[in-house]
Amino acid sequence: MKEEQNQQKDSEQLGFLYETTKEITNEKATDLGEKKSFKSNQERVEILSKEHFPKNILILDTETTGLDNENDECLEVGSILFDVKSRSVLAQQSFLLPVEINNAEKINNIPAEITRLPQPLSEAIKYFESLVRVSDVIVAHNAEFDMKWFGLKKLPQIEKKWICSMDDITWPADRQLKTRPSVRDLALAYGVPVWNAHRALTDCIYLSEVFKRCSELEQLLIRALEPKVLLRAEISYEERYLAKSAGFRWNDAIKGAWSRRMSRRDMQKLEFPVHVVDFHS
C-alpha cells in the first residue's frame, strides 16, 4: 500500500515538473523572441531538475539595530541548512556581531553589550560561508530586508538566488493565510508551536518546521523561483482594497501607486487590471 502511494506521489511530481518546465520554457522563449522545442517530456523534467529544483536550501534570518542598512547594523545572523527531499535539518548556526548600540533592543531583546562578549566570530563567518556554498538557494521571510545587510562590514556578499517566504511563495489556500503572512501566522497555520520571536535562529526554526510539514514544498519552491515582473495596479481609490488583499504595496517600488513583483502565472489570477512596468525601457 505504501509503495503504491509513493508511486502515485512520484507520478504526480513528474506531471507537475513537466507542466512547470513547459511554462517556464515558454516564458523564456517569449522573452527572447524564440521558439524552443524539446525531444521528450523527460527532457523537460531533467532540465527543470538541473536548473530550477533546489535540493539544499539555506533558511536565513537577521536581527538588526534598525531598518536603514546605511546607518544601522546587523547584529545577529541565524541559518539552517535544509534538505528538501528528506525534509531534514542538516545544520544550523547563529552568531552575534558586535555593535555599540542597539536601538531595536525592545524588539529583538539583544542588549548591545552581549554582542561584544568574546566569541569565535571569524570562525563563525567562515562556517556560514560554507553553508551558503553548499546551498542551492537562500530562503528568508521578507528577503528584501535580509539580503541588503550582506556584503557590508563583516558579512560576506551572497551570490545565490533568494526566495522570500512572505512574497514569493503562494501558500495553499486551505491554510487560510494572508497574502503576505507573518512568520508567526505561518507557523501557527502549520501547527508549529510559537514560543518566542525576533531572534534570528528562532525564526529559522519556525520556517524549517513549516517546511517539514509541507507536502507540496517542491512545487512551492519551483513556483517561487519563476521569473518575476513588476506590476502596477490599475485601480481606483475605492478599489484599493483589492490591491492590498493581493499583496500589492502602496508607494513602495513605484511612488504613488500600488505595486508588486509576481510571476506572469500569478498575474493571470488577479481580479483587477495591471500594467507591467519596465524601468529599463
Protein backbone atom coordinates (compact mmCIF):
# COMPACT_ATOMS: atom_id res chain seq x y z
CA MET A 1 0.00 0.00 0.00
CA LYS A 2 2.80 2.38 0.96
CA GLU A 3 4.66 1.53 -2.26
CA GLU A 4 1.56 2.38 -4.32
CA GLN A 5 1.23 5.72 -2.53
CA ASN A 6 4.90 6.52 -3.22
CA GLN A 7 4.47 5.62 -6.89
CA GLN A 8 1.41 7.86 -7.12
CA LYS A 9 3.31 10.72 -5.48
CA ASP A 10 6.24 10.28 -7.89
CA SER A 11 3.84 10.26 -10.84
CA GLU A 12 2.16 13.46 -9.64
CA GLN A 13 5.56 15.08 -9.13
CA LEU A 14 6.69 14.19 -12.65
CA GLY A 15 3.47 15.60 -14.07
CA PHE A 16 3.96 18.81 -12.15
CA LEU A 17 7.59 19.08 -13.24
CA TYR A 18 6.60 18.58 -16.88
CA GLU A 19 3.91 21.24 -16.81
CA THR A 20 6.05 23.73 -14.91
CA THR A 21 9.04 23.21 -17.19
CA LYS A 22 6.84 23.76 -20.24
CA GLU A 23 5.52 27.02 -18.79
CA ILE A 24 8.94 28.29 -17.76
CA THR A 25 10.40 27.36 -21.15
CA ASN A 26 7.57 29.15 -22.95
CA GLU A 27 8.11 32.26 -20.82
CA LYS A 28 11.85 32.28 -21.62
CA ALA A 29 11.19 31.75 -25.32
CA THR A 30 8.67 34.60 -25.32
CA ASP A 31 11.13 36.92 -23.58
CA LEU A 32 13.84 36.04 -26.12
CA GLY A 33 11.51 36.10 -29.12
CA GLU A 34 12.38 32.47 -29.87
CA LYS A 35 10.61 29.20 -30.33
CA LYS A 36 12.02 26.22 -28.45
CA SER A 37 11.16 22.57 -28.61
CA PHE A 38 12.40 19.55 -26.69
CA LYS A 39 12.66 15.94 -27.69
CA SER A 40 10.59 14.49 -24.88
CA ASN A 41 8.71 15.10 -21.66
CA GLN A 42 11.60 13.50 -19.79
CA GLU A 43 14.00 16.09 -21.22
CA ARG A 44 11.83 18.86 -19.80
CA VAL A 45 11.84 17.16 -16.40
CA GLU A 46 15.63 16.77 -16.46
CA ILE A 47 16.12 20.41 -17.41
CA LEU A 48 13.89 21.58 -14.57
CA SER A 49 15.57 19.23 -12.10
CA LYS A 50 19.01 20.57 -13.01
CA GLU A 51 18.25 24.26 -13.42
CA HIS A 52 15.29 25.03 -11.20
CA PHE A 53 14.86 22.47 -8.46
CA PRO A 54 16.65 23.38 -5.20
CA LYS A 55 17.88 20.35 -3.26
CA ASN A 56 19.52 22.15 -0.34
CA ILE A 57 18.09 25.45 0.87
CA LEU A 58 19.62 27.77 3.43
CA ILE A 59 16.93 29.29 5.63
CA LEU A 60 18.27 32.63 6.84
CA ASP A 61 17.25 35.44 9.17
CA THR A 62 18.90 38.56 10.56
CA GLU A 63 18.40 40.83 13.53
CA THR A 64 19.46 44.45 13.17
CA THR A 65 19.79 47.65 15.17
CA GLY A 66 17.34 49.40 12.84
CA LEU A 67 15.85 49.42 9.35
CA ASP A 68 18.43 51.50 7.46
CA ASN A 69 21.43 49.46 6.27
CA GLU A 70 23.41 52.65 5.66
CA ASN A 71 23.17 53.89 9.25
CA ASP A 72 22.19 50.79 11.25
CA GLU A 73 23.96 47.44 11.65
CA CYS A 74 23.24 43.73 11.56
CA LEU A 75 23.90 42.25 14.99
CA GLU A 76 22.76 38.62 14.56
CA VAL A 77 22.58 36.03 11.79
CA GLY A 78 20.76 32.72 12.03
CA SER A 79 20.69 29.99 9.39
CA ILE A 80 19.54 26.41 8.85
CA LEU A 81 20.70 24.14 6.04
CA PHE A 82 17.64 22.15 4.99
CA ASP A 83 17.42 19.11 2.69
CA VAL A 84 14.21 19.38 0.67
CA LYS A 85 13.79 15.74 -0.35
CA SER A 86 14.11 14.27 3.15
CA ARG A 87 12.58 17.34 4.88
CA SER A 88 15.57 17.30 7.24
CA VAL A 89 17.68 19.89 9.03
CA LEU A 90 21.32 19.22 8.12
CA ALA A 91 22.96 22.04 10.07
CA GLN A 92 22.07 25.15 12.00
CA GLN A 93 24.01 28.16 13.21
CA SER A 94 23.63 31.58 14.77
CA PHE A 95 26.16 34.20 15.78
CA LEU A 96 26.27 37.77 17.03
CA LEU A 97 28.13 40.69 15.51
CA PRO A 98 29.50 43.38 17.85
CA VAL A 99 27.65 46.71 17.97
CA GLU A 100 27.94 49.73 20.23
CA ILE A 101 24.20 50.42 20.48
CA ASN A 102 21.02 48.55 19.62
CA ASN A 103 18.08 50.84 19.01
CA ALA A 104 15.88 47.81 18.31
CA GLU A 105 16.55 46.07 21.64
CA LYS A 106 12.87 46.33 22.63
CA ILE A 107 12.03 44.26 19.54
CA ASN A 108 14.80 41.63 19.39
CA ASN A 109 15.80 41.59 23.09
CA ILE A 110 19.52 41.63 22.32
CA PRO A 111 21.45 44.02 24.60
CA ALA A 112 24.35 45.63 22.74
CA GLU A 113 26.80 44.69 25.49
CA ILE A 114 26.36 40.93 24.97
CA THR A 115 27.27 41.27 21.30
CA ARG A 116 30.72 42.42 22.41
CA LEU A 117 31.43 39.41 24.64
CA PRO A 118 34.21 37.11 23.36
CA GLN A 119 33.16 34.59 20.71
CA PRO A 120 34.83 32.91 17.69
CA LEU A 121 33.32 35.34 15.19
CA SER A 122 35.78 34.83 12.33
CA GLU A 123 35.28 31.06 12.53
CA ALA A 124 31.50 31.55 12.65
CA ILE A 125 31.55 33.66 9.48
CA LYS A 126 33.72 31.08 7.68
CA TYR A 127 31.28 28.33 8.64
CA PHE A 128 28.37 30.48 7.48
CA GLU A 129 30.10 30.96 4.13
CA SER A 130 30.46 27.18 3.81
CA LEU A 131 26.71 26.75 4.42
CA VAL A 132 25.99 29.31 1.70
CA ARG A 133 28.32 27.50 -0.72
CA VAL A 134 26.56 24.12 -0.40
CA SER A 135 23.06 25.61 -0.67
CA ASP A 136 21.16 25.94 -3.94
CA VAL A 137 19.01 28.86 -2.86
CA ILE A 138 18.55 31.18 0.15
CA VAL A 139 15.12 31.37 1.79
CA ALA A 140 14.19 34.26 4.07
CA HIS A 141 10.98 35.78 5.35
CA ASN A 142 11.00 39.31 3.92
CA ALA A 143 14.14 38.51 1.92
CA GLU A 144 14.34 42.05 0.53
CA PHE A 145 15.19 43.26 4.04
CA ASP A 146 17.64 40.48 4.96
CA MET A 147 19.68 40.46 1.76
CA LYS A 148 20.63 44.14 1.97
CA TRP A 149 22.88 43.56 5.01
CA PHE A 150 25.21 41.12 3.26
CA GLY A 151 28.33 42.48 1.64
CA LEU A 152 28.52 45.16 4.34
CA LYS A 153 31.20 45.29 7.04
CA LYS A 154 31.99 41.75 8.25
CA LEU A 155 29.15 39.95 6.48
CA PRO A 156 30.03 38.33 3.12
CA GLN A 157 28.20 39.04 -0.12
CA ILE A 158 25.78 36.25 -1.06
CA GLU A 159 25.76 35.37 -4.77
CA LYS A 160 22.81 32.99 -4.69
CA LYS A 161 19.17 33.14 -5.71
CA TRP A 162 16.81 34.21 -2.95
CA ILE A 163 13.24 33.10 -2.22
CA CYS A 164 11.04 35.22 0.01
CA SER A 165 8.68 33.01 2.01
CA MET A 166 6.42 36.02 2.51
CA ASP A 167 6.23 37.36 -1.07
CA ASP A 168 7.43 34.64 -3.47
CA ILE A 169 5.68 31.57 -2.09
CA THR A 170 1.95 31.23 -2.68
CA TRP A 171 0.85 29.20 0.32
CA PRO A 172 -2.03 26.69 -0.08
CA ALA A 173 -5.46 28.28 0.18
CA ASP A 174 -6.62 25.74 2.78
CA ARG A 175 -4.17 27.27 5.29
CA GLN A 176 -6.27 30.47 5.20
CA LEU A 177 -3.25 32.77 5.37
CA LYS A 178 -3.00 36.42 4.37
CA THR A 179 -1.28 37.18 1.09
CA ARG A 180 1.85 38.26 2.99
CA PRO A 181 1.74 36.21 6.21
CA SER A 182 3.99 36.80 9.20
CA VAL A 183 6.34 34.05 10.38
CA ARG A 184 4.14 33.61 13.45
CA ASP A 185 0.93 33.18 11.41
CA LEU A 186 2.68 30.82 9.01
CA ALA A 187 3.94 28.66 11.87
CA LEU A 188 0.55 28.50 13.56
CA ALA A 189 -1.16 27.62 10.26
CA TYR A 190 1.05 24.52 10.05
CA GLY A 191 0.66 23.54 13.71
CA VAL A 192 4.10 24.75 14.79
CA PRO A 193 4.17 25.96 18.43
CA VAL A 194 5.30 29.59 18.76
CA TRP A 195 7.34 30.10 21.91
CA ASN A 196 9.46 33.14 21.12
CA ALA A 197 10.02 35.69 18.38
CA HIS A 198 12.57 38.12 16.99
CA ARG A 199 15.72 36.06 17.42
CA ALA A 200 17.31 35.02 14.16
CA LEU A 201 17.66 31.27 14.70
CA THR A 202 14.21 31.01 16.26
CA ASP A 203 12.54 32.37 13.13
CA CYS A 204 14.64 29.98 11.00
CA ILE A 205 13.42 27.07 13.13
CA TYR A 206 9.80 28.13 12.57
CA LEU A 207 10.31 28.08 8.79
CA SER A 208 12.12 24.73 8.86
CA GLU A 209 9.26 23.20 10.88
CA VAL A 210 6.75 24.59 8.37
CA PHE A 211 8.75 23.07 5.51
CA LYS A 212 8.83 19.68 7.28
CA ARG A 213 5.04 19.70 7.38
CA CYS A 214 4.57 20.98 3.82
CA SER A 215 3.84 18.05 1.48
CA GLU A 216 3.87 20.30 -1.62
CA LEU A 217 7.18 22.02 -0.75
CA GLU A 218 8.88 21.12 -4.05
CA GLN A 219 6.08 22.69 -6.05
CA LEU A 220 6.03 25.83 -3.91
CA LEU A 221 9.80 26.34 -4.25
CA ILE A 222 9.80 25.82 -8.01
CA ARG A 223 6.92 28.26 -8.47
CA ALA A 224 8.68 30.74 -6.17
CA LEU A 225 11.72 30.69 -8.47
CA GLU A 226 9.73 31.61 -11.58
CA PRO A 227 10.77 34.95 -13.15
CA LYS A 228 9.01 37.95 -11.63
CA VAL A 229 7.82 41.17 -13.24
CA LEU A 230 7.00 44.45 -11.53
CA LEU A 231 3.30 45.21 -11.76
CA ARG A 232 1.38 48.42 -11.17
CA ALA A 233 -2.27 48.02 -10.23
CA GLU A 234 -4.66 49.96 -12.45
CA ILE A 235 -7.45 50.57 -9.94
CA SER A 236 -9.46 53.41 -8.48
CA TYR A 237 -9.13 54.71 -4.93
CA GLU A 238 -12.35 52.92 -3.99
CA GLU A 239 -10.91 49.59 -5.22
CA ARG A 240 -7.59 49.88 -3.39
CA TYR A 241 -8.60 47.07 -1.03
CA LEU A 242 -8.32 44.64 -3.97
CA ALA A 243 -4.67 45.53 -4.47
CA LYS A 244 -3.92 45.38 -0.77
CA SER A 245 -5.51 41.95 -0.36
CA ALA A 246 -3.46 40.71 -3.33
CA GLY A 247 -0.22 41.70 -1.63
CA PHE A 248 0.37 44.97 -3.52
CA ARG A 249 2.01 47.78 -1.55
CA TRP A 250 1.35 51.49 -1.82
CA ASN A 251 4.17 53.89 -2.57
CA ASP A 252 6.79 51.11 -2.43
CA ALA A 253 8.61 50.14 -5.65
CA ILE A 254 6.58 52.74 -7.57
CA LYS A 255 5.86 56.09 -5.95
CA GLY A 256 2.20 56.98 -5.79
CA ALA A 257 0.96 53.58 -6.93
CA TRP A 258 0.12 50.07 -5.73
CA SER A 259 2.81 47.68 -6.95
CA ARG A 260 4.12 44.15 -6.52
CA ARG A 261 6.56 41.76 -8.18
CA MET A 262 4.99 38.45 -9.21
CA SER A 263 5.15 35.77 -11.89
CA ARG A 264 3.14 36.06 -15.08
CA ARG A 265 1.29 32.91 -14.00
CA ASP A 266 0.04 34.57 -10.81
CA MET A 267 -0.64 37.80 -12.70
CA GLN A 268 -3.32 35.98 -14.71
CA LYS A 269 -5.21 35.19 -11.49
CA LEU A 270 -5.61 38.82 -10.40
CA GLU A 271 -9.13 40.25 -10.24
CA PHE A 272 -8.12 43.73 -11.45
CA PRO A 273 -6.10 45.12 -14.37
CA VAL A 274 -2.35 45.64 -14.00
CA HIS A 275 0.43 47.16 -16.08
CA VAL A 276 3.88 45.57 -16.41
CA VAL A 277 6.50 48.17 -15.52
CA ASP A 278 9.90 48.06 -17.22
CA PHE A 279 12.33 50.57 -15.74
CA HIS A 280 14.88 49.72 -18.44
CA SER A 281 12.70 50.64 -21.43
